[in-house]
């Protein structure tokens, strides 16, 4: 990017473009002299004068050396790389499909359960409505207080005068 501020920006831009083309045509170039031997004569003269373009050429050689040390994608993947990736994608898609299929029956089950409950409630209410009312036969109903103790009806009067009157009225 320094060549944009340089007075000879067009020459530097042409040199770096030509340098990339030369690097493609000379894959075995290991040194700067080998790389500059492939470029046209005018560009060689520019490289001798411009330090920035020489630095760009050295950077290109360093990047090529680093890239040569890295393993190739073809060696990492092998000939069956694409089929294995596609199989993994298909397996993951099938797994996600099974997970959604697991819960698709729930709305159907809920609808059926709602209809079955509605019918059962209608039948039960009709049966209870038509059933005759029967009261259980009990010997005597017992009245209880709040604690549950049975209340006894007493015939004792509320005051003492009534006690005497009630005794006198009893047949002897």
Protein backbone atom coordinates (compact mmCIF):
# COMPACT_ATOMS: atom_id res chain seq x y z
CA UNK A 1 0.00 0.00 0.00
CA UNK A 2 3.01 2.27 0.31
CA UNK A 3 3.14 2.58 -3.47
CA UNK A 4 0.01 4.75 -3.40
CA UNK A 5 1.96 7.50 -1.62
CA UNK A 6 5.04 6.97 -3.76
CA UNK A 7 5.61 9.24 -6.78
CA UNK A 8 6.11 6.23 -8.97
CA UNK A 9 2.86 4.55 -7.82
CA UNK A 10 1.94 3.26 -11.29
CA UNK A 11 5.36 1.67 -11.76
CA UNK A 12 5.22 -0.02 -8.33
CA UNK A 13 1.69 -1.27 -8.98
CA UNK A 14 2.76 -2.70 -12.37
CA UNK A 15 5.83 -4.30 -10.78
CA UNK A 16 3.82 -6.03 -8.04
CA UNK A 17 1.25 -7.28 -10.55
CA UNK A 18 4.04 -8.58 -12.78
CA UNK A 19 5.76 -10.09 -9.75
CA UNK A 20 2.66 -12.17 -8.95
CA UNK A 21 2.53 -13.37 -12.55
CA UNK A 22 6.27 -14.18 -12.49
CA UNK A 23 5.90 -16.10 -9.22
CA UNK A 24 3.20 -18.20 -10.86
CA UNK A 25 5.40 -18.97 -13.86
CA UNK A 26 8.48 -19.77 -11.72
CA UNK A 27 7.29 -22.07 -8.94
CA UNK A 28 10.82 -23.19 -8.02
CA UNK A 29 12.25 -19.71 -7.36
CA UNK A 30 13.84 -19.75 -3.89
CA UNK A 31 15.79 -16.49 -3.87
CA UNK A 32 15.13 -12.92 -4.91
CA UNK A 33 17.61 -13.22 -7.80
CA UNK A 34 15.78 -16.33 -9.13
CA UNK A 35 12.46 -14.50 -8.97
CA UNK A 36 13.80 -11.31 -10.60
CA UNK A 37 15.38 -13.37 -13.39
CA UNK A 38 11.88 -14.31 -14.57
CA UNK A 39 10.41 -10.76 -14.65
CA UNK A 40 10.84 -8.50 -17.72
CA UNK A 41 13.90 -6.22 -17.95
CA UNK A 42 12.11 -2.93 -17.13
CA UNK A 43 10.77 -4.44 -13.93
CA UNK A 44 14.23 -5.66 -12.93
CA UNK A 45 15.51 -2.11 -13.21
CA UNK A 46 12.59 -0.86 -11.06
CA UNK A 47 13.34 -3.48 -8.41
CA UNK A 48 16.98 -2.34 -8.30
CA UNK A 49 15.87 1.26 -7.64
CA UNK A 50 12.77 0.74 -5.36
CA UNK A 51 13.32 -0.71 -1.87
CA UNK A 52 9.56 -1.15 -1.30
CA UNK A 53 9.19 -3.37 -4.36
CA UNK A 54 12.24 -5.44 -3.33
CA UNK A 55 10.62 -5.88 0.12
CA UNK A 56 7.36 -6.94 -1.57
CA UNK A 57 9.27 -9.53 -3.61
CA UNK A 58 10.99 -10.87 -0.46
CA UNK A 59 7.61 -11.03 1.30
CA UNK A 60 6.24 -13.01 -1.63
CA UNK A 61 9.12 -15.49 -1.38
CA UNK A 62 8.67 -15.83 2.41
CA UNK A 63 4.93 -16.47 1.99
CA UNK A 64 5.65 -19.12 -0.67
CA UNK A 65 8.14 -20.82 1.68
CA UNK A 66 5.57 -20.89 4.49
CA UNK A 67 2.87 -22.20 2.22
CA UNK A 68 5.20 -24.96 0.95
CA UNK A 69 5.65 -26.21 4.54
CA UNK A 70 1.90 -26.52 5.11
CA UNK A 71 0.25 -29.81 4.16
CA UNK A 72 -1.95 -29.73 1.14
CA UNK A 73 -5.76 -29.85 1.49
CA UNK A 74 -5.87 -32.82 -0.83
CA UNK A 75 -3.53 -34.78 1.45
CA UNK A 76 -5.60 -33.90 4.52
CA UNK A 77 -8.93 -34.70 2.98
CA UNK A 78 -8.03 -37.58 0.76
CA UNK A 79 -10.08 -38.78 -2.17
CA UNK A 80 -13.13 -39.49 0.02
CA UNK A 81 -13.23 -36.14 1.76
CA UNK A 82 -16.31 -34.74 -0.02
CA UNK A 83 -18.38 -37.95 0.36
CA UNK A 84 -17.54 -38.10 4.09
CA UNK A 85 -18.60 -34.48 4.59
CA UNK A 86 -21.82 -35.04 2.68
CA UNK A 87 -22.53 -38.20 4.71
CA UNK A 88 -21.96 -36.29 7.95
CA UNK A 89 -24.34 -33.55 6.79
CA UNK A 90 -26.97 -36.13 5.84
CA UNK A 91 -26.60 -37.89 9.21
CA UNK A 92 -27.01 -34.62 11.10
CA UNK A 93 -30.05 -33.69 9.02
CA UNK A 94 -31.61 -37.10 9.70
CA UNK A 95 -30.92 -36.74 13.42
CA UNK A 96 -32.61 -33.35 13.53
CA UNK A 97 -35.52 -34.76 11.51
CA UNK A 98 -36.00 -37.58 14.03
CA UNK A 99 -36.02 -35.09 16.88
CA UNK A 100 -38.83 -33.10 15.29
CA UNK A 101 -40.73 -36.28 14.31
CA UNK A 102 -40.73 -37.31 17.95
CA UNK A 103 -42.93 -34.39 18.92
CA UNK A 104 -45.23 -34.28 15.89
CA UNK A 105 -47.55 -36.91 17.35
CA UNK A 106 -48.26 -34.77 20.42
CA UNK A 107 -50.78 -32.35 18.79
CA UNK A 108 -52.62 -35.29 17.24
CA UNK A 109 -52.74 -37.05 20.60
CA UNK A 110 -53.93 -33.88 22.34
CA UNK A 111 -56.78 -33.43 19.84
CA UNK A 112 -57.91 -37.04 20.26
CA UNK A 113 -57.66 -36.82 24.04
CA UNK A 114 -59.78 -33.66 24.02
CA UNK A 115 -62.52 -35.31 21.98
CA UNK A 116 -62.49 -38.45 24.14
CA UNK A 117 -62.71 -36.37 27.33
CA UNK A 118 -65.61 -34.33 25.92
CA UNK A 119 -67.57 -37.44 25.00
CA UNK A 120 -66.89 -39.04 28.40
CA UNK A 121 -68.11 -35.91 30.22
CA UNK A 122 -71.28 -35.74 28.13
CA UNK A 123 -72.09 -39.40 28.78
CA UNK A 124 -71.40 -39.09 32.51
CA UNK A 125 -73.51 -35.96 32.88
CA UNK A 126 -76.41 -37.59 30.98
CA UNK A 127 -76.19 -40.69 33.18
CA UNK A 128 -76.13 -38.62 36.36
CA UNK A 129 -79.05 -36.49 35.19
CA UNK A 130 -81.26 -39.53 34.47
CA UNK A 131 -80.34 -41.46 37.60
CA UNK A 132 -83.17 -41.50 40.21
CA UNK A 133 -82.51 -39.65 43.40
CA UNK A 134 -82.48 -41.98 46.37
CA UNK A 135 -81.99 -40.99 49.96
CA UNK A 136 -80.17 -43.36 52.18
CA UNK A 137 -82.23 -44.88 54.95
CA UNK A 138 -80.78 -44.01 58.32
CA UNK A 139 -82.13 -44.88 61.69
CA UNK A 140 -81.95 -41.41 63.09
CA UNK A 141 -80.05 -38.39 61.99
CA UNK A 142 -77.65 -37.11 64.57
CA UNK A 143 -76.98 -33.43 64.87
CA UNK A 144 -73.41 -32.52 65.82
CA UNK A 145 -71.76 -29.34 67.02
CA UNK A 146 -68.65 -27.73 65.53
CA UNK A 147 -66.29 -30.19 67.20
CA UNK A 148 -68.19 -33.17 65.87
CA UNK A 149 -69.74 -34.20 69.19
CA UNK A 150 -73.38 -35.29 68.92
CA UNK A 151 -75.90 -32.90 70.41
CA UNK A 152 -78.39 -34.44 72.83
CA UNK A 153 -81.81 -33.05 73.08
CA UNK A 154 -82.65 -32.57 76.65
CA UNK A 155 -86.10 -32.09 78.01
CA UNK A 156 -84.82 -30.15 80.93
CA UNK A 157 -86.28 -26.70 81.08
CA UNK A 158 -84.20 -23.57 80.87
CA UNK A 159 -84.97 -22.38 84.45
CA UNK A 160 -85.73 -24.02 87.76
CA UNK A 161 -89.40 -22.97 87.99
CA UNK A 162 -90.24 -24.93 84.92
CA UNK A 163 -88.60 -28.00 86.50
CA UNK A 164 -91.10 -27.97 89.33
CA UNK A 165 -94.01 -27.45 86.97
CA UNK A 166 -92.88 -30.28 84.75
CA UNK A 167 -92.59 -32.63 87.77
CA UNK A 168 -96.07 -31.78 88.96
CA UNK A 169 -97.55 -32.46 85.58
CA UNK A 170 -96.13 -35.93 85.37
CA UNK A 171 -98.65 -38.63 86.05
CA UNK A 172 -98.19 -40.46 89.26
